[in-house]
Amino acid sequence: MEVVILCGGLGTRLREETEFRPKPMVNIGHRPILWHIMKIYARYGHVDFVLPLGYKGEMIRDYFVNYRWMNNDVTIDLGNPEKICTHNCHEESDWKITLSDTGQATLKGGRIKRIEKYITNDTFMMTYGDGVANVDLDALLDFHYAHGKIATLCGVSPAQQFGELKVKGSQVLSFSEKPQKLNTNLINAGYFVLNKRVFDYLLPDEDCDFEYGPLEQIARDNELMVYRHDGFWACMDTLRDTEKLNNIWKQGTAPWKIW
């Protein structure tokens, strides 16, 4: 099953870091938050990743193209430069990563539509490139298969304005991205499971968003469900968020470190 991780946004609210790198490449500890997200999925056996790239996407491309050299011990024979021996030290040798340039200014819906050709299964997983959680992905998948709808998202309840969900049981009645006033304690935390029918709601156009428009329509069509996650979730939206996540990691108490 492919895992799509959205990596193309500008990350304007984290300008202190994103002026120099894309948000998914901002570090927690000595690794990009993108790596942490991928490790969460890999813990459950999902190692086929599709990364829609945009802003400074070449940095993400370079990171993975050079992953072998940067994350292994290496023996180099300077008298025979083509003879380089790597000593396997990392645990990511089974990862498959598709890096797709989906345009500098493309909104999320357009990015998702543009990587449709890389989705080979009827069901795939997707999340944002700036959020870590200790979501039980097996339980999330079981929940999605049980209801048979197009889309499942994780709902969490920190008092922040992201994407507000109006729900009845596990049925999403409406979806509103960043409302002016919160009327419920559940917000959209990403960690989606999606049926390929979601592509019918999307266009490859630059101005096709995902939350505004398509996801709202999916909810109106009674095809969006919420999986309630009561565990840890945090996103890297501001410099304060970055510092908080790094402090948690430094203390050795990161709840998302499930590998």
Protein backbone atom coordinates (compact mmCIF):
# COMPACT_ATOMS: atom_id res chain seq x y z
CA MET A 1 0.00 0.00 0.00
CA GLU A 2 1.41 3.38 -1.01
CA VAL A 3 1.81 6.15 1.57
CA VAL A 4 1.55 9.67 0.16
CA ILE A 5 3.24 12.36 2.27
CA LEU A 6 2.49 15.92 1.15
CA CYS A 7 5.80 17.79 0.94
CA GLY A 8 5.21 20.77 -1.34
CA GLY A 9 3.92 23.65 0.79
CA LEU A 10 5.69 26.92 1.60
CA GLY A 11 5.41 26.63 5.39
CA THR A 12 5.08 30.39 5.75
CA ARG A 13 4.32 30.32 9.47
CA LEU A 14 7.68 28.67 10.06
CA ARG A 15 9.59 31.18 7.97
CA GLU A 16 12.57 31.12 10.35
CA GLU A 17 13.30 27.60 9.07
CA THR A 18 11.49 27.36 5.75
CA GLU A 19 13.33 30.30 4.21
CA PHE A 20 16.20 27.86 3.86
CA ARG A 21 14.52 24.44 3.52
CA PRO A 22 11.09 22.88 2.94
CA LYS A 23 9.15 22.27 6.14
CA PRO A 24 9.37 18.45 5.93
CA MET A 25 13.18 18.85 6.10
CA VAL A 26 13.15 20.79 9.37
CA ASN A 27 14.87 18.60 11.95
CA ILE A 28 13.63 16.92 15.08
CA GLY A 29 16.89 15.88 16.66
CA HIS A 30 19.29 15.09 13.84
CA ARG A 31 16.65 13.91 11.35
CA PRO A 32 14.00 15.73 9.30
CA ILE A 33 10.42 15.48 10.55
CA LEU A 34 9.70 13.75 7.22
CA TRP A 35 11.98 10.88 8.29
CA HIS A 36 10.13 10.61 11.62
CA ILE A 37 6.77 10.36 9.79
CA MET A 38 8.12 7.70 7.45
CA LYS A 39 9.46 5.70 10.39
CA ILE A 40 5.98 5.69 11.94
CA TYR A 41 4.51 4.15 8.78
CA ALA A 42 7.44 1.76 8.36
CA ARG A 43 6.81 0.43 11.88
CA TYR A 44 3.52 -0.98 10.53
CA GLY A 45 5.11 -2.33 7.36
CA HIS A 46 4.17 0.53 5.02
CA VAL A 47 7.42 1.37 3.23
CA ASP A 48 6.24 2.35 -0.28
CA PHE A 49 6.27 6.15 -0.17
CA VAL A 50 5.14 8.73 -2.74
CA LEU A 51 6.33 12.28 -2.03
CA PRO A 52 4.70 15.11 -4.04
CA LEU A 53 7.37 17.80 -4.11
CA GLY A 54 7.08 21.55 -4.56
CA TYR A 55 8.86 24.32 -2.67
CA LYS A 56 12.58 23.53 -2.43
CA GLY A 57 11.80 19.96 -3.42
CA GLU A 58 15.36 19.50 -4.67
CA MET A 59 16.50 19.37 -1.03
CA ILE A 60 14.23 16.39 -0.34
CA ARG A 61 15.40 14.77 -3.57
CA ASP A 62 19.07 15.26 -2.62
CA TYR A 63 18.46 13.89 0.88
CA PHE A 64 17.18 10.55 -0.38
CA VAL A 65 19.45 10.27 -3.43
CA ASN A 66 22.42 10.62 -1.06
CA TYR A 67 20.83 8.66 1.81
CA ARG A 68 23.14 5.70 1.34
CA TRP A 69 26.27 7.83 1.70
CA MET A 70 24.99 10.05 4.49
CA ASN A 71 23.56 7.31 6.72
CA ASN A 72 26.11 4.51 6.39
CA ASP A 73 29.72 4.16 7.39
CA VAL A 74 31.77 4.49 4.20
CA THR A 75 35.24 3.28 3.23
CA ILE A 76 36.81 5.26 0.37
CA ASP A 77 39.96 4.31 -1.49
CA LEU A 78 41.37 7.67 -2.61
CA GLY A 79 43.70 5.95 -5.06
CA ASN A 80 40.74 4.15 -6.62
CA PRO A 81 37.85 6.66 -6.39
CA GLU A 82 35.28 4.38 -8.00
CA LYS A 83 35.86 1.84 -5.25
CA ILE A 84 33.58 2.93 -2.41
CA CYS A 85 32.43 0.45 0.20
CA THR A 86 29.38 1.19 2.36
CA HIS A 87 28.78 -0.60 5.63
CA ASN A 88 25.06 -0.95 6.30
CA CYS A 89 24.17 0.94 9.44
CA HIS A 90 20.64 2.18 8.73
CA GLU A 91 17.38 0.26 8.89
CA GLU A 92 15.65 1.80 5.87
CA SER A 93 17.05 -0.43 3.12
CA ASP A 94 13.57 -1.78 2.28
CA TRP A 95 12.03 1.67 1.68
CA LYS A 96 10.82 2.52 -1.80
CA ILE A 97 10.47 6.26 -2.38
CA THR A 98 8.90 7.95 -5.41
CA LEU A 99 9.83 11.63 -5.66
CA SER A 100 7.44 13.55 -7.91
CA ASP A 101 7.76 17.21 -8.86
CA THR A 102 4.16 18.45 -8.63
CA GLY A 103 4.90 22.15 -9.17
CA GLN A 104 6.04 25.04 -7.04
CA ALA A 105 2.66 26.73 -6.62
CA THR A 106 0.30 23.75 -6.83
CA LEU A 107 -2.22 23.37 -4.02
CA LYS A 108 -2.65 20.05 -2.23
CA GLY A 109 -5.52 18.69 -4.33
CA GLY A 110 -3.59 19.27 -7.53
CA ARG A 111 -0.52 17.61 -6.05
CA ILE A 112 -2.51 14.53 -5.04
CA LYS A 113 -4.12 14.28 -8.48
CA ARG A 114 -0.74 14.56 -10.19
CA ILE A 115 0.63 11.50 -8.38
CA GLU A 116 -2.44 9.36 -9.17
CA LYS A 117 -0.37 7.33 -11.67
CA TYR A 118 1.83 6.06 -8.83
CA ILE A 119 -1.08 4.63 -6.82
CA THR A 120 -1.43 0.96 -7.70
CA ASN A 121 -3.87 -0.20 -5.01
CA ASP A 122 -7.54 0.59 -4.49
CA THR A 123 -6.65 1.98 -1.06
CA PHE A 124 -3.73 4.19 -0.07
CA MET A 125 -2.65 6.18 2.96
CA MET A 126 -1.82 9.87 3.09
CA THR A 127 -0.69 12.47 5.58
CA TYR A 128 0.85 15.91 5.84
CA GLY A 129 4.62 16.36 5.98
CA ASP A 130 4.59 18.20 9.29
CA GLY A 131 2.71 16.05 11.85
CA VAL A 132 3.83 13.20 14.10
CA ALA A 133 1.57 10.88 16.09
CA ASN A 134 1.39 7.48 17.73
CA VAL A 135 -1.63 6.47 15.65
CA ASP A 136 -2.39 2.74 15.55
CA LEU A 137 -2.27 2.36 11.77
CA ASP A 138 -3.55 -1.22 11.86
CA ALA A 139 -6.65 -0.11 13.76
CA LEU A 140 -7.04 2.86 11.43
CA LEU A 141 -7.02 0.57 8.38
CA ASP A 142 -9.45 -1.87 9.97
CA PHE A 143 -11.81 1.03 10.70
CA HIS A 144 -11.58 2.26 7.11
CA TYR A 145 -12.26 -1.14 5.57
CA ALA A 146 -15.18 -1.72 7.92
CA HIS A 147 -17.17 1.36 6.84
CA GLY A 148 -16.42 1.14 3.10
CA LYS A 149 -16.47 4.90 2.47
CA ILE A 150 -14.08 6.87 0.26
CA ALA A 151 -12.11 8.61 2.98
CA THR A 152 -11.07 8.31 6.61
CA LEU A 153 -9.16 10.96 8.51
CA CYS A 154 -7.83 11.04 12.04
CA GLY A 155 -9.66 13.37 14.38
CA VAL A 156 -7.86 14.70 17.45
CA SER A 157 -8.93 17.21 20.03
CA PRO A 158 -6.30 19.85 20.84
CA ALA A 159 -7.76 23.36 21.02
CA GLN A 160 -6.28 24.57 17.74
CA GLN A 161 -7.90 25.76 14.52
CA PHE A 162 -7.01 23.45 11.69
CA GLY A 163 -9.91 21.65 10.07
CA GLU A 164 -13.07 21.39 12.12
CA LEU A 165 -15.25 18.31 11.86
CA LYS A 166 -18.96 18.11 12.62
CA VAL A 167 -19.63 14.47 13.38
CA LYS A 168 -22.43 12.11 14.25
CA GLY A 169 -21.00 8.91 15.64
CA SER A 170 -18.18 8.16 13.22
CA GLN A 171 -19.87 9.84 10.24
CA VAL A 172 -18.46 13.21 9.17
CA LEU A 173 -21.44 15.47 8.44
CA SER A 174 -19.41 18.50 7.38
CA PHE A 175 -15.83 19.62 7.04
CA SER A 176 -14.62 23.20 7.46
CA GLU A 177 -10.97 24.15 7.06
CA LYS A 178 -9.74 26.64 9.71
CA PRO A 179 -13.13 27.99 10.84
CA GLN A 180 -13.36 31.33 12.59
CA LYS A 181 -15.03 29.77 15.61
CA LEU A 182 -14.60 26.24 16.88
CA ASN A 183 -17.84 24.40 17.62
CA THR A 184 -16.38 20.96 18.28
CA ASN A 185 -13.30 19.56 19.92
CA LEU A 186 -12.27 17.41 16.94
CA ILE A 187 -9.86 18.69 14.30
CA ASN A 188 -8.31 17.16 11.21
CA ALA A 189 -4.91 15.64 12.07
CA GLY A 190 -4.25 14.02 8.70
CA TYR A 191 -3.26 10.34 8.68
CA PHE A 192 -5.85 9.64 6.00
CA VAL A 193 -6.87 6.36 4.44
CA LEU A 194 -8.29 6.96 0.97
CA ASN A 195 -10.00 4.93 -1.72
CA LYS A 196 -8.90 5.71 -5.29
CA ARG A 197 -12.37 7.17 -5.87
CA VAL A 198 -11.01 10.28 -4.16
CA PHE A 199 -9.29 11.17 -7.44
CA ASP A 200 -12.72 11.75 -9.00
CA TYR A 201 -13.03 14.82 -6.77
CA LEU A 202 -9.66 16.28 -7.80
CA LEU A 203 -8.17 18.12 -10.76
CA PRO A 204 -4.49 18.40 -11.70
CA ASP A 205 -4.84 22.19 -11.79
CA GLU A 206 -2.56 24.36 -9.62
CA ASP A 207 -5.52 25.94 -7.85
CA CYS A 208 -7.20 22.66 -6.86
CA ASP A 209 -7.05 22.45 -3.08
CA PHE A 210 -7.87 19.38 -1.02
CA GLU A 211 -9.50 20.61 2.19
CA TYR A 212 -11.31 23.56 0.60
CA GLY A 213 -13.72 22.08 -1.92
CA PRO A 214 -12.97 18.37 -2.48
CA LEU A 215 -12.93 17.20 1.14
CA GLU A 216 -15.96 19.36 1.92
CA GLN A 217 -17.80 17.74 -0.99
CA ILE A 218 -16.77 14.25 0.09
CA ALA A 219 -18.28 15.02 3.51
CA ARG A 220 -21.50 16.30 1.90
CA ASP A 221 -21.67 13.05 -0.07
CA ASN A 222 -21.52 11.12 3.23
CA GLU A 223 -18.23 9.54 2.16
CA LEU A 224 -15.93 10.93 4.87
CA MET A 225 -15.42 9.18 8.21
CA VAL A 226 -13.36 10.09 11.26
CA TYR A 227 -11.13 7.78 13.25
CA ARG A 228 -10.85 9.24 16.73
CA HIS A 229 -7.26 9.26 17.93
CA ASP A 230 -6.95 9.86 21.65
CA GLY A 231 -3.18 9.47 21.80
CA PHE A 232 -0.35 11.86 20.98
CA TRP A 233 -0.40 14.13 17.95
CA ALA A 234 1.53 17.31 17.21
CA CYS A 235 2.28 19.34 14.12
CA MET A 236 5.26 21.54 13.34
CA ASP A 237 3.48 24.74 12.39
CA THR A 238 5.57 27.42 14.12
CA LEU A 239 9.03 27.87 15.60
CA ARG A 240 7.54 27.24 19.04
CA ASP A 241 6.20 23.88 17.80
CA THR A 242 9.65 23.02 16.46
CA GLU A 243 11.31 23.80 19.77
CA LYS A 244 8.71 21.80 21.69
CA LEU A 245 9.12 18.71 19.51
CA ASN A 246 12.90 18.92 19.74
CA ASN A 247 12.73 19.18 23.51
CA ILE A 248 10.51 16.10 23.70
CA TRP A 249 12.92 14.21 21.46
CA LYS A 250 15.97 15.34 23.44
CA GLN A 251 14.37 14.11 26.68
CA GLY A 252 13.90 10.67 25.14
CA THR A 253 10.14 10.72 25.73
CA ALA A 254 8.85 11.13 22.17
CA PRO A 255 5.48 9.28 22.04
CA TRP A 256 5.67 8.97 18.26
CA LYS A 257 8.94 6.98 18.45
CA ILE A 258 7.29 3.59 18.09
CA TRP A 259 10.11 1.97 16.10
